[in-house]
PDB file of N, CA and C in Angstrom:
ATOM      1  N   MET A   1     -28.982  16.360  -0.436  1.00  0.00           N
ATOM      2  CA  MET A   1     -28.262  15.327   0.260  1.00  0.00           C
ATOM      3  C   MET A   1     -27.934  14.204  -0.728  1.00  0.00           C
ATOM      4  N   ALA A   2     -26.693  13.779  -0.733  1.00  0.00           N
ATOM      5  CA  ALA A   2     -26.261  12.717  -1.639  1.00  0.00           C
ATOM      6  C   ALA A   2     -26.714  11.371  -1.101  1.00  0.00           C
ATOM      7  N   PRO A   3     -27.089  10.479  -2.011  1.00  0.00           N
ATOM      8  CA  PRO A   3     -27.484   9.147  -1.552  1.00  0.00           C
ATOM      9  C   PRO A   3     -26.291   8.405  -0.970  1.00  0.00           C
ATOM     10  N   THR A   4     -26.570   7.563  -0.004  1.00  0.00           N
ATOM     11  CA  THR A   4     -25.495   6.766   0.589  1.00  0.00           C
ATOM     12  C   THR A   4     -25.483   5.399  -0.074  1.00  0.00           C
ATOM     13  N   SER A   5     -24.331   4.794  -0.082  1.00  0.00           N
ATOM     14  CA  SER A   5     -24.186   3.484  -0.698  1.00  0.00           C
ATOM     15  C   SER A   5     -23.212   2.652   0.110  1.00  0.00           C
ATOM     16  N   SER A   6     -23.441   1.362   0.144  1.00  0.00           N
ATOM     17  CA  SER A   6     -22.509   0.474   0.836  1.00  0.00           C
ATOM     18  C   SER A   6     -21.406   0.010  -0.110  1.00  0.00           C
ATOM     19  N   LYS A   7     -21.469   0.401  -1.388  1.00  0.00           N
ATOM     20  CA  LYS A   7     -20.454   0.010  -2.353  1.00  0.00           C
ATOM     21  C   LYS A   7     -19.214   0.871  -2.191  1.00  0.00           C
ATOM     22  N   PRO A   8     -18.023   0.285  -2.414  1.00  0.00           N
ATOM     23  CA  PRO A   8     -16.794   1.082  -2.315  1.00  0.00           C
ATOM     24  C   PRO A   8     -16.726   2.121  -3.416  1.00  0.00           C
ATOM     25  N   ASP A   9     -16.097   3.232  -3.134  1.00  0.00           N
ATOM     26  CA  ASP A   9     -15.908   4.300  -4.096  1.00  0.00           C
ATOM     27  C   ASP A   9     -14.795   3.887  -5.060  1.00  0.00           C
ATOM     28  N   PRO A  10     -15.082   3.737  -6.369  1.00  0.00           N
ATOM     29  CA  PRO A  10     -14.049   3.287  -7.302  1.00  0.00           C
ATOM     30  C   PRO A  10     -12.835   4.209  -7.343  1.00  0.00           C
ATOM     31  N   SER A  11     -13.035   5.515  -7.247  1.00  0.00           N
ATOM     32  CA  SER A  11     -11.889   6.416  -7.271  1.00  0.00           C
ATOM     33  C   SER A  11     -11.038   6.210  -6.028  1.00  0.00           C
ATOM     34  N   GLY A  12     -11.658   5.855  -4.921  1.00  0.00           N
ATOM     35  CA  GLY A  12     -10.914   5.546  -3.709  1.00  0.00           C
ATOM     36  C   GLY A  12     -10.099   4.277  -3.870  1.00  0.00           C
ATOM     37  N   MET A  13     -10.629   3.316  -4.614  1.00  0.00           N
ATOM     38  CA  MET A  13      -9.883   2.082  -4.862  1.00  0.00           C
ATOM     39  C   MET A  13      -8.606   2.386  -5.631  1.00  0.00           C
ATOM     40  N   LEU A  14      -8.718   3.229  -6.638  1.00  0.00           N
ATOM     41  CA  LEU A  14      -7.535   3.550  -7.429  1.00  0.00           C
ATOM     42  C   LEU A  14      -6.522   4.329  -6.608  1.00  0.00           C
ATOM     43  N   HIS A  15      -6.979   5.309  -5.856  1.00  0.00           N
ATOM     44  CA  HIS A  15      -6.073   6.123  -5.052  1.00  0.00           C
ATOM     45  C   HIS A  15      -5.529   5.372  -3.840  1.00  0.00           C
ATOM     46  N   GLY A  16      -6.289   4.430  -3.316  1.00  0.00           N
ATOM     47  CA  GLY A  16      -5.873   3.691  -2.136  1.00  0.00           C
ATOM     48  C   GLY A  16      -4.956   2.518  -2.422  1.00  0.00           C
ATOM     49  N   THR A  17      -4.675   2.275  -3.678  1.00  0.00           N
ATOM     50  CA  THR A  17      -3.842   1.136  -4.045  1.00  0.00           C
ATOM     51  C   THR A  17      -2.446   1.228  -3.445  1.00  0.00           C
ATOM     52  N   LEU A  18      -1.880   2.417  -3.360  1.00  0.00           N
ATOM     53  CA  LEU A  18      -0.540   2.571  -2.803  1.00  0.00           C
ATOM     54  C   LEU A  18      -0.490   2.060  -1.367  1.00  0.00           C
ATOM     55  N   ASP A  19      -1.499   2.385  -0.572  1.00  0.00           N
ATOM     56  CA  ASP A  19      -1.531   1.897   0.811  1.00  0.00           C
ATOM     57  C   ASP A  19      -1.482   0.375   0.836  1.00  0.00           C
ATOM     58  N   ALA A  20      -2.300  -0.262   0.002  1.00  0.00           N
ATOM     59  CA  ALA A  20      -2.339  -1.724  -0.026  1.00  0.00           C
ATOM     60  C   ALA A  20      -0.996  -2.295  -0.470  1.00  0.00           C
ATOM     61  N   LEU A  21      -0.369  -1.688  -1.461  1.00  0.00           N
ATOM     62  CA  LEU A  21       0.934  -2.167  -1.934  1.00  0.00           C
ATOM     63  C   LEU A  21       1.999  -2.042  -0.849  1.00  0.00           C
ATOM     64  N   VAL A  22       1.981  -0.930  -0.130  1.00  0.00           N
ATOM     65  CA  VAL A  22       2.957  -0.734   0.946  1.00  0.00           C
ATOM     66  C   VAL A  22       2.712  -1.734   2.074  1.00  0.00           C
ATOM     67  N   LEU A  23       1.459  -1.905   2.458  1.00  0.00           N
ATOM     68  CA  LEU A  23       1.145  -2.855   3.522  1.00  0.00           C
ATOM     69  C   LEU A  23       1.557  -4.269   3.123  1.00  0.00           C
ATOM     70  N   LYS A  24       1.297  -4.649   1.875  1.00  0.00           N
ATOM     71  CA  LYS A  24       1.679  -5.974   1.408  1.00  0.00           C
ATOM     72  C   LYS A  24       3.200  -6.117   1.438  1.00  0.00           C
ATOM     73  N   THR A  25       3.912  -5.098   1.003  1.00  0.00           N
ATOM     74  CA  THR A  25       5.371  -5.115   1.036  1.00  0.00           C
ATOM     75  C   THR A  25       5.866  -5.345   2.456  1.00  0.00           C
ATOM     76  N   LEU A  26       5.294  -4.621   3.408  1.00  0.00           N
ATOM     77  CA  LEU A  26       5.733  -4.740   4.799  1.00  0.00           C
ATOM     78  C   LEU A  26       5.286  -6.042   5.451  1.00  0.00           C
ATOM     79  N   SER A  27       4.315  -6.721   4.842  1.00  0.00           N
ATOM     80  CA  SER A  27       3.896  -8.015   5.386  1.00  0.00           C
ATOM     81  C   SER A  27       5.018  -9.052   5.243  1.00  0.00           C
ATOM     82  N   TRP A  28       5.998  -8.777   4.384  1.00  0.00           N
ATOM     83  CA  TRP A  28       7.134  -9.670   4.178  1.00  0.00           C
ATOM     84  C   TRP A  28       8.313  -9.313   5.088  1.00  0.00           C
ATOM     85  N   GLY A  29       8.196  -8.189   5.820  1.00  0.00           N
ATOM     86  CA  GLY A  29       9.263  -7.790   6.730  1.00  0.00           C
ATOM     87  C   GLY A  29       9.461  -6.282   6.709  1.00  0.00           C
ATOM     88  N   SER A  30      10.137  -5.767   7.719  1.00  0.00           N
ATOM     89  CA  SER A  30      10.332  -4.322   7.816  1.00  0.00           C
ATOM     90  C   SER A  30      11.293  -3.842   6.732  1.00  0.00           C
ATOM     91  N   ARG A  31      11.080  -2.605   6.300  1.00  0.00           N
ATOM     92  CA  ARG A  31      11.911  -1.990   5.255  1.00  0.00           C
ATOM     93  C   ARG A  31      11.913  -0.485   5.458  1.00  0.00           C
ATOM     94  N   HIS A  32      12.948   0.149   4.940  1.00  0.00           N
ATOM     95  CA  HIS A  32      12.973   1.612   4.902  1.00  0.00           C
ATOM     96  C   HIS A  32      12.274   2.070   3.620  1.00  0.00           C
ATOM     97  N   GLY A  33      12.044   3.357   3.504  1.00  0.00           N
ATOM     98  CA  GLY A  33      11.274   3.890   2.384  1.00  0.00           C
ATOM     99  C   GLY A  33      11.785   3.466   1.018  1.00  0.00           C
ATOM    100  N   TYR A  34      13.089   3.628   0.785  1.00  0.00           N
ATOM    101  CA  TYR A  34      13.639   3.239  -0.506  1.00  0.00           C
ATOM    102  C   TYR A  34      13.447   1.746  -0.738  1.00  0.00           C
ATOM    103  N   GLY A  35      13.615   0.935   0.304  1.00  0.00           N
ATOM    104  CA  GLY A  35      13.433  -0.511   0.188  1.00  0.00           C
ATOM    105  C   GLY A  35      12.005  -0.881  -0.176  1.00  0.00           C
ATOM    106  N   ILE A  36      11.039  -0.137   0.357  1.00  0.00           N
ATOM    107  CA  ILE A  36       9.626  -0.362   0.017  1.00  0.00           C
ATOM    108  C   ILE A  36       9.405  -0.074  -1.463  1.00  0.00           C
ATOM    109  N   ALA A  37       9.857   1.098  -1.903  1.00  0.00           N
ATOM    110  CA  ALA A  37       9.673   1.493  -3.301  1.00  0.00           C
ATOM    111  C   ALA A  37      10.355   0.499  -4.238  1.00  0.00           C
ATOM    112  N   LYS A  38      11.545   0.074  -3.896  1.00  0.00           N
ATOM    113  CA  LYS A  38      12.310  -0.852  -4.733  1.00  0.00           C
ATOM    114  C   LYS A  38      11.629  -2.217  -4.791  1.00  0.00           C
ATOM    115  N   TRP A  39      11.109  -2.691  -3.656  1.00  0.00           N
ATOM    116  CA  TRP A  39      10.425  -3.985  -3.630  1.00  0.00           C
ATOM    117  C   TRP A  39       9.208  -3.958  -4.554  1.00  0.00           C
ATOM    118  N   ILE A  40       8.417  -2.877  -4.485  1.00  0.00           N
ATOM    119  CA  ILE A  40       7.234  -2.760  -5.338  1.00  0.00           C
ATOM    120  C   ILE A  40       7.650  -2.725  -6.804  1.00  0.00           C
ATOM    121  N   GLU A  41       8.682  -1.944  -7.112  1.00  0.00           N
ATOM    122  CA  GLU A  41       9.185  -1.857  -8.483  1.00  0.00           C
ATOM    123  C   GLU A  41       9.619  -3.238  -8.973  1.00  0.00           C
ATOM    124  N   ASP A  42      10.407  -3.947  -8.186  1.00  0.00           N
ATOM    125  CA  ASP A  42      10.898  -5.271  -8.573  1.00  0.00           C
ATOM    126  C   ASP A  42       9.756  -6.282  -8.714  1.00  0.00           C
ATOM    127  N   ALA A  43       8.820  -6.274  -7.759  1.00  0.00           N
ATOM    128  CA  ALA A  43       7.722  -7.243  -7.758  1.00  0.00           C
ATOM    129  C   ALA A  43       6.774  -7.054  -8.934  1.00  0.00           C
ATOM    130  N   THR A  44       6.725  -5.831  -9.486  1.00  0.00           N
ATOM    131  CA  THR A  44       5.831  -5.552 -10.614  1.00  0.00           C
ATOM    132  C   THR A  44       6.589  -5.471 -11.938  1.00  0.00           C
ATOM    133  N   ASP A  45       7.831  -5.954 -11.947  1.00  0.00           N
ATOM    134  CA  ASP A  45       8.665  -5.875 -13.153  1.00  0.00           C
ATOM    135  C   ASP A  45       8.708  -4.445 -13.698  1.00  0.00           C
ATOM    136  N   GLU A  46       8.839  -3.496 -12.766  1.00  0.00           N
ATOM    137  CA  GLU A  46       8.968  -2.069 -13.052  1.00  0.00           C
ATOM    138  C   GLU A  46       7.712  -1.448 -13.681  1.00  0.00           C
ATOM    139  N   ALA A  47       6.566  -2.141 -13.571  1.00  0.00           N
ATOM    140  CA  ALA A  47       5.309  -1.586 -14.071  1.00  0.00           C
ATOM    141  C   ALA A  47       4.775  -0.515 -13.120  1.00  0.00           C
ATOM    142  N   VAL A  48       5.132  -0.613 -11.839  1.00  0.00           N
ATOM    143  CA  VAL A  48       4.705   0.364 -10.840  1.00  0.00           C
ATOM    144  C   VAL A  48       5.953   0.999 -10.240  1.00  0.00           C
ATOM    145  N   ILE A  49       6.086   2.293 -10.436  1.00  0.00           N
ATOM    146  CA  ILE A  49       7.187   3.064  -9.874  1.00  0.00           C
ATOM    147  C   ILE A  49       6.583   4.006  -8.833  1.00  0.00           C
ATOM    148  N   VAL A  50       7.050   3.903  -7.600  1.00  0.00           N
ATOM    149  CA  VAL A  50       6.519   4.733  -6.513  1.00  0.00           C
ATOM    150  C   VAL A  50       7.475   5.901  -6.288  1.00  0.00           C
ATOM    151  N   GLU A  51       6.996   7.090  -6.521  1.00  0.00           N
ATOM    152  CA  GLU A  51       7.797   8.299  -6.340  1.00  0.00           C
ATOM    153  C   GLU A  51       7.829   8.689  -4.860  1.00  0.00           C
ATOM    154  N   GLU A  52       8.932   9.306  -4.448  1.00  0.00           N
ATOM    155  CA  GLU A  52       9.072   9.752  -3.056  1.00  0.00           C
ATOM    156  C   GLU A  52       7.929  10.666  -2.641  1.00  0.00           C
ATOM    157  N   GLY A  53       7.494  11.525  -3.549  1.00  0.00           N
ATOM    158  CA  GLY A  53       6.424  12.478  -3.249  1.00  0.00           C
ATOM    159  C   GLY A  53       5.089  11.820  -2.952  1.00  0.00           C
ATOM    160  N   SER A  54       4.937  10.583  -3.353  1.00  0.00           N
ATOM    161  CA  SER A  54       3.728   9.816  -3.028  1.00  0.00           C
ATOM    162  C   SER A  54       3.970   8.885  -1.848  1.00  0.00           C
ATOM    163  N   LEU A  55       5.151   8.280  -1.811  1.00  0.00           N
ATOM    164  CA  LEU A  55       5.437   7.267  -0.801  1.00  0.00           C
ATOM    165  C   LEU A  55       5.470   7.830   0.614  1.00  0.00           C
ATOM    166  N   TYR A  56       6.248   8.870   0.841  1.00  0.00           N
ATOM    167  CA  TYR A  56       6.421   9.340   2.223  1.00  0.00           C
ATOM    168  C   TYR A  56       5.141   9.910   2.836  1.00  0.00           C
ATOM    169  N   PRO A  57       4.347  10.681   2.102  1.00  0.00           N
ATOM    170  CA  PRO A  57       3.058  11.086   2.698  1.00  0.00           C
ATOM    171  C   PRO A  57       2.181   9.873   3.035  1.00  0.00           C
ATOM    172  N   ALA A  58       2.227   8.830   2.201  1.00  0.00           N
ATOM    173  CA  ALA A  58       1.444   7.624   2.482  1.00  0.00           C
ATOM    174  C   ALA A  58       1.966   6.935   3.734  1.00  0.00           C
ATOM    175  N   LEU A  59       3.283   6.844   3.877  1.00  0.00           N
ATOM    176  CA  LEU A  59       3.857   6.223   5.073  1.00  0.00           C
ATOM    177  C   LEU A  59       3.466   6.989   6.332  1.00  0.00           C
ATOM    178  N   TYR A  60       3.547   8.309   6.292  1.00  0.00           N
ATOM    179  CA  TYR A  60       3.179   9.114   7.466  1.00  0.00           C
ATOM    180  C   TYR A  60       1.703   8.955   7.795  1.00  0.00           C
ATOM    181  N   ARG A  61       0.853   8.909   6.759  1.00  0.00           N
ATOM    182  CA  ARG A  61      -0.587   8.738   6.968  1.00  0.00           C
ATOM    183  C   ARG A  61      -0.876   7.369   7.592  1.00  0.00           C
ATOM    184  N   MET A  62      -0.238   6.335   7.073  1.00  0.00           N
ATOM    185  CA  MET A  62      -0.465   4.991   7.614  1.00  0.00           C
ATOM    186  C   MET A  62       0.067   4.856   9.036  1.00  0.00           C
ATOM    187  N   GLU A  63       1.154   5.553   9.325  1.00  0.00           N
ATOM    188  CA  GLU A  63       1.685   5.546  10.693  1.00  0.00           C
ATOM    189  C   GLU A  63       0.697   6.219  11.643  1.00  0.00           C
ATOM    190  N   ARG A  64       0.125   7.342  11.240  1.00  0.00           N
ATOM    191  CA  ARG A  64      -0.873   8.034  12.072  1.00  0.00           C
ATOM    192  C   ARG A  64      -2.099   7.161  12.320  1.00  0.00           C
ATOM    193  N   ARG A  65      -2.465   6.351  11.337  1.00  0.00           N
ATOM    194  CA  ARG A  65      -3.636   5.481  11.464  1.00  0.00           C
ATOM    195  C   ARG A  65      -3.349   4.205  12.256  1.00  0.00           C
ATOM    196  N   GLY A  66      -2.085   4.001  12.585  1.00  0.00           N
ATOM    197  CA  GLY A  66      -1.713   2.834  13.363  1.00  0.00           C
ATOM    198  C   GLY A  66      -1.541   1.570  12.538  1.00  0.00           C
ATOM    199  N   TRP A  67      -1.457   1.694  11.220  1.00  0.00           N
ATOM    200  CA  TRP A  67      -1.294   0.529  10.360  1.00  0.00           C
ATOM    201  C   TRP A  67       0.159   0.078  10.288  1.00  0.00           C
ATOM    202  N   ILE A  68       1.074   1.020  10.510  1.00  0.00           N
ATOM    203  CA  ILE A  68       2.500   0.707  10.509  1.00  0.00           C
ATOM    204  C   ILE A  68       3.162   1.415  11.682  1.00  0.00           C
ATOM    205  N   GLU A  69       4.334   0.922  12.058  1.00  0.00           N
ATOM    206  CA  GLU A  69       5.161   1.556  13.082  1.00  0.00           C
ATOM    207  C   GLU A  69       6.531   1.771  12.466  1.00  0.00           C
ATOM    208  N   ALA A  70       7.259   2.729  13.026  1.00  0.00           N
ATOM    209  CA  ALA A  70       8.582   3.023  12.480  1.00  0.00           C
ATOM    210  C   ALA A  70       9.598   3.182  13.597  1.00  0.00           C
ATOM    211  N   GLU A  71      10.840   2.848  13.267  1.00  0.00           N
ATOM    212  CA  GLU A  71      11.948   3.101  14.179  1.00  0.00           C
ATOM    213  C   GLU A  71      13.199   3.342  13.350  1.00  0.00           C
ATOM    214  N   TRP A  72      14.096   4.119  13.917  1.00  0.00           N
ATOM    215  CA  TRP A  72      15.335   4.443  13.231  1.00  0.00           C
ATOM    216  C   TRP A  72      16.312   3.283  13.330  1.00  0.00           C
ATOM    217  N   GLY A  73      17.044   3.072  12.257  1.00  0.00           N
ATOM    218  CA  GLY A  73      18.061   2.029  12.204  1.00  0.00           C
ATOM    219  C   GLY A  73      19.108   2.416  11.174  1.00  0.00           C
ATOM    220  N   ILE A  74      19.949   1.481  10.839  1.00  0.00           N
ATOM    221  CA  ILE A  74      21.019   1.703   9.875  1.00  0.00           C
ATOM    222  C   ILE A  74      20.738   0.858   8.628  1.00  0.00           C
ATOM    223  N   SER A  75      20.761   1.511   7.472  1.00  0.00           N
ATOM    224  CA  SER A  75      20.503   0.815   6.212  1.00  0.00           C
ATOM    225  C   SER A  75      21.682  -0.068   5.822  1.00  0.00           C
ATOM    226  N   GLU A  76      21.485  -0.849   4.778  1.00  0.00           N
ATOM    227  CA  GLU A  76      22.542  -1.723   4.287  1.00  0.00           C
ATOM    228  C   GLU A  76      23.742  -0.934   3.756  1.00  0.00           C
ATOM    229  N   LEU A  77      23.554   0.368   3.515  1.00  0.00           N
ATOM    230  CA  LEU A  77      24.650   1.230   3.073  1.00  0.00           C
ATOM    231  C   LEU A  77      25.291   1.983   4.235  1.00  0.00           C
ATOM    232  N   GLY A  78      24.874   1.650   5.468  1.00  0.00           N
ATOM    233  CA  GLY A  78      25.447   2.278   6.645  1.00  0.00           C
ATOM    234  C   GLY A  78      24.889   3.654   6.959  1.00  0.00           C
ATOM    235  N   ARG A  79      23.755   3.989   6.360  1.00  0.00           N
ATOM    236  CA  ARG A  79      23.121   5.292   6.606  1.00  0.00           C
ATOM    237  C   ARG A  79      21.964   5.140   7.578  1.00  0.00           C
ATOM    238  N   LYS A  80      21.712   6.208   8.314  1.00  0.00           N
ATOM    239  CA  LYS A  80      20.568   6.239   9.221  1.00  0.00           C
ATOM    240  C   LYS A  80      19.295   6.254   8.370  1.00  0.00           C
ATOM    241  N   ALA A  81      18.346   5.378   8.706  1.00  0.00           N
ATOM    242  CA  ALA A  81      17.103   5.283   7.941  1.00  0.00           C
ATOM    243  C   ALA A  81      15.967   4.904   8.879  1.00  0.00           C
ATOM    244  N   LYS A  82      14.778   5.310   8.508  1.00  0.00           N
ATOM    245  CA  LYS A  82      13.581   4.965   9.260  1.00  0.00           C
ATOM    246  C   LYS A  82      13.018   3.673   8.666  1.00  0.00           C
ATOM    247  N   PHE A  83      12.901   2.648   9.499  1.00  0.00           N
ATOM    248  CA  PHE A  83      12.384   1.359   9.070  1.00  0.00           C
ATOM    249  C   PHE A  83      10.933   1.219   9.511  1.00  0.00           C
ATOM    250  N   TYR A  84      10.099   0.766   8.596  1.00  0.00           N
ATOM    251  CA  TYR A  84       8.667   0.620   8.842  1.00  0.00           C
ATOM    252  C   TYR A  84       8.310  -0.849   8.934  1.00  0.00           C
ATOM    253  N   ARG A  85       7.335  -1.154   9.810  1.00  0.00           N
ATOM    254  CA  ARG A  85       6.821  -2.520   9.920  1.00  0.00           C
ATOM    255  C   ARG A  85       5.305  -2.449  10.080  1.00  0.00           C
ATOM    256  N   ILE A  86       4.645  -3.472   9.608  1.00  0.00           N
ATOM    257  CA  ILE A  86       3.184  -3.523   9.664  1.00  0.00           C
ATOM    258  C   ILE A  86       2.750  -3.923  11.081  1.00  0.00           C
ATOM    259  N   THR A  87       1.635  -3.373  11.526  1.00  0.00           N
ATOM    260  CA  THR A  87       1.064  -3.705  12.831  1.00  0.00           C
ATOM    261  C   THR A  87      -0.096  -4.689  12.634  1.00  0.00           C
ATOM    262  N   ALA A  88      -0.635  -5.184  13.735  1.00  0.00           N
ATOM    263  CA  ALA A  88      -1.809  -6.061  13.658  1.00  0.00           C
ATOM    264  C   ALA A  88      -2.966  -5.310  12.996  1.00  0.00           C
ATOM    265  N   LYS A  89      -3.130  -4.051  13.342  1.00  0.00           N
ATOM    266  CA  LYS A  89      -4.183  -3.235  12.726  1.00  0.00           C
ATOM    267  C   LYS A  89      -3.919  -3.095  11.228  1.00  0.00           C
ATOM    268  N   GLY A  90      -2.661  -2.963  10.848  1.00  0.00           N
ATOM    269  CA  GLY A  90      -2.291  -2.871   9.436  1.00  0.00           C
ATOM    270  C   GLY A  90      -2.586  -4.167   8.695  1.00  0.00           C
ATOM    271  N   ARG A  91      -2.364  -5.292   9.349  1.00  0.00           N
ATOM    272  CA  ARG A  91      -2.662  -6.586   8.717  1.00  0.00           C
ATOM    273  C   ARG A  91      -4.162  -6.732   8.469  1.00  0.00           C
ATOM    274  N   ARG A  92      -4.965  -6.259   9.419  1.00  0.00           N
ATOM    275  CA  ARG A  92      -6.426  -6.296   9.216  1.00  0.00           C
ATOM    276  C   ARG A  92      -6.821  -5.367   8.066  1.00  0.00           C
ATOM    277  N   GLN A  93      -6.188  -4.207   7.998  1.00  0.00           N
ATOM    278  CA  GLN A  93      -6.465  -3.259   6.921  1.00  0.00           C
ATOM    279  C   GLN A  93      -6.058  -3.858   5.580  1.00  0.00           C
ATOM    280  N   LEU A  94      -4.913  -4.509   5.530  1.00  0.00           N
ATOM    281  CA  LEU A  94      -4.452  -5.145   4.300  1.00  0.00           C
ATOM    282  C   LEU A  94      -5.450  -6.202   3.836  1.00  0.00           C
ATOM    283  N   ALA A  95      -5.943  -7.016   4.751  1.00  0.00           N
ATOM    284  CA  ALA A  95      -6.925  -8.042   4.388  1.00  0.00           C
ATOM    285  C   ALA A  95      -8.177  -7.404   3.806  1.00  0.00           C
ATOM    286  N   SER A  96      -8.636  -6.324   4.431  1.00  0.00           N
ATOM    287  CA  SER A  96      -9.824  -5.619   3.959  1.00  0.00           C
ATOM    288  C   SER A  96      -9.590  -5.006   2.576  1.00  0.00           C
ATOM    289  N   GLU A  97      -8.455  -4.336   2.421  1.00  0.00           N
ATOM    290  CA  GLU A  97      -8.155  -3.686   1.136  1.00  0.00           C
ATOM    291  C   GLU A  97      -7.941  -4.718   0.028  1.00  0.00           C
ATOM    292  N   THR A  98      -7.355  -5.854   0.360  1.00  0.00           N
ATOM    293  CA  THR A  98      -7.145  -6.904  -0.632  1.00  0.00           C
ATOM    294  C   THR A  98      -8.484  -7.448  -1.111  1.00  0.00           C
ATOM    295  N   GLN A  99      -9.406  -7.644  -0.185  1.00  0.00           N
ATOM    296  CA  GLN A  99     -10.737  -8.129  -0.540  1.00  0.00           C
ATOM    297  C   GLN A  99     -11.465  -7.116  -1.425  1.00  0.00           C
ATOM    298  N   GLU A 100     -11.416  -5.849  -1.064  1.00  0.00           N
ATOM    299  CA  GLU A 100     -12.070  -4.812  -1.861  1.00  0.00           C
ATOM    300  C   GLU A 100     -11.418  -4.695  -3.236  1.00  0.00           C
ATOM    301  N   TRP A 101     -10.073  -4.795  -3.291  1.00  0.00           N
ATOM    302  CA  TRP A 101      -9.379  -4.713  -4.572  1.00  0.00           C
ATOM    303  C   TRP A 101      -9.798  -5.871  -5.484  1.00  0.00           C
ATOM    304  N   ALA A 102      -9.922  -7.066  -4.934  1.00  0.00           N
ATOM    305  CA  ALA A 102     -10.322  -8.225  -5.724  1.00  0.00           C
ATOM    306  C   ALA A 102     -11.709  -8.010  -6.334  1.00  0.00           C
ATOM    307  N   LYS A 103     -12.629  -7.457  -5.554  1.00  0.00           N
ATOM    308  CA  LYS A 103     -13.971  -7.161  -6.068  1.00  0.00           C
ATOM    309  C   LYS A 103     -13.893  -6.128  -7.185  1.00  0.00           C
ATOM    310  N   PHE A 104     -13.128  -5.074  -6.972  1.00  0.00           N
ATOM    311  CA  PHE A 104     -12.985  -3.998  -7.945  1.00  0.00           C
ATOM    312  C   PHE A 104     -12.354  -4.529  -9.231  1.00  0.00           C
ATOM    313  N   ALA A 105     -11.262  -5.293  -9.110  1.00  0.00           N
ATOM    314  CA  ALA A 105     -10.575  -5.831 -10.289  1.00  0.00           C
ATOM    315  C   ALA A 105     -11.490  -6.768 -11.068  1.00  0.00           C
ATOM    316  N   SER A 106     -12.272  -7.563 -10.370  1.00  0.00           N
ATOM    317  CA  SER A 106     -13.211  -8.473 -11.024  1.00  0.00           C
ATOM    318  C   SER A 106     -14.256  -7.687 -11.813  1.00  0.00           C
ATOM    319  N   ALA A 107     -14.769  -6.621 -11.216  1.00  0.00           N
ATOM    320  CA  ALA A 107     -15.782  -5.821 -11.880  1.00  0.00           C
ATOM    321  C   ALA A 107     -15.225  -5.136 -13.138  1.00  0.00           C
ATOM    322  N   VAL A 108     -14.031  -4.563 -13.027  1.00  0.00           N
ATOM    323  CA  VAL A 108     -13.416  -3.875 -14.168  1.00  0.00           C
ATOM    324  C   VAL A 108     -13.062  -4.895 -15.252  1.00  0.00           C
ATOM    325  N   SER A 109     -12.623  -6.086 -14.859  1.00  0.00           N
ATOM    326  CA  SER A 109     -12.261  -7.120 -15.826  1.00  0.00           C
ATOM    327  C   SER A 109     -13.449  -7.550 -16.683  1.00  0.00           C
ATOM    328  N   LYS A 110     -14.640  -7.471 -16.124  1.00  0.00           N
ATOM    329  CA  LYS A 110     -15.837  -7.817 -16.887  1.00  0.00           C
ATOM    330  C   LYS A 110     -16.006  -6.907 -18.106  1.00  0.00           C
ATOM    331  N   ILE A 111     -15.500  -5.693 -17.992  1.00  0.00           N
ATOM    332  CA  ILE A 111     -15.594  -4.740 -19.091  1.00  0.00           C
ATOM    333  C   ILE A 111     -14.372  -4.818 -20.008  1.00  0.00           C
ATOM    334  N   LEU A 112     -13.192  -4.813 -19.397  1.00  0.00           N
ATOM    335  CA  LEU A 112     -11.966  -4.751 -20.192  1.00  0.00           C
ATOM    336  C   LEU A 112     -11.555  -6.102 -20.783  1.00  0.00           C
ATOM    337  N   LEU A 113     -11.913  -7.182 -20.115  1.00  0.00           N
ATOM    338  CA  LEU A 113     -11.497  -8.522 -20.562  1.00  0.00           C
ATOM    339  C   LEU A 113     -12.706  -9.448 -20.673  1.00  0.00           C
ATOM    340  N   PRO A 114     -13.677  -9.071 -21.507  1.00  0.00           N
ATOM    341  CA  PRO A 114     -14.879  -9.934 -21.581  1.00  0.00           C
ATOM    342  C   PRO A 114     -14.529 -11.314 -22.144  1.00  0.00           C
ATOM    343  N   ALA A 115     -15.310 -12.293 -21.711  1.00  0.00           N
ATOM    344  CA  ALA A 115     -15.070 -13.678 -22.150  1.00  0.00           C
ATOM    345  C   ALA A 115     -15.404 -13.862 -23.607  1.00  0.00           C
TER     346      ALA A 115
END
């Protein structure tokens, strides 16, 4: 039997970052998939590029968990697109993930950026 720990799983922090980035993006307003990816790319000065193969499975997973909701609409190019928005449950999840990320980043910084 593996020991249990109340500490977050570091590999989960790295893999779960996309969820937090998407939730943060949607905290500024609803967007379609391409708009989410573009916002993240722009906000990180192109340091983070979100591929469709990662983004859409994450969106579907977050929708199933009730963190986001979606509805069909028309994009700025006049095309039918699914627009996503964050829910109250998603906002609570974002707050939790942001807090955990801050702890994780602080811990890693102690090693990579010592004083």
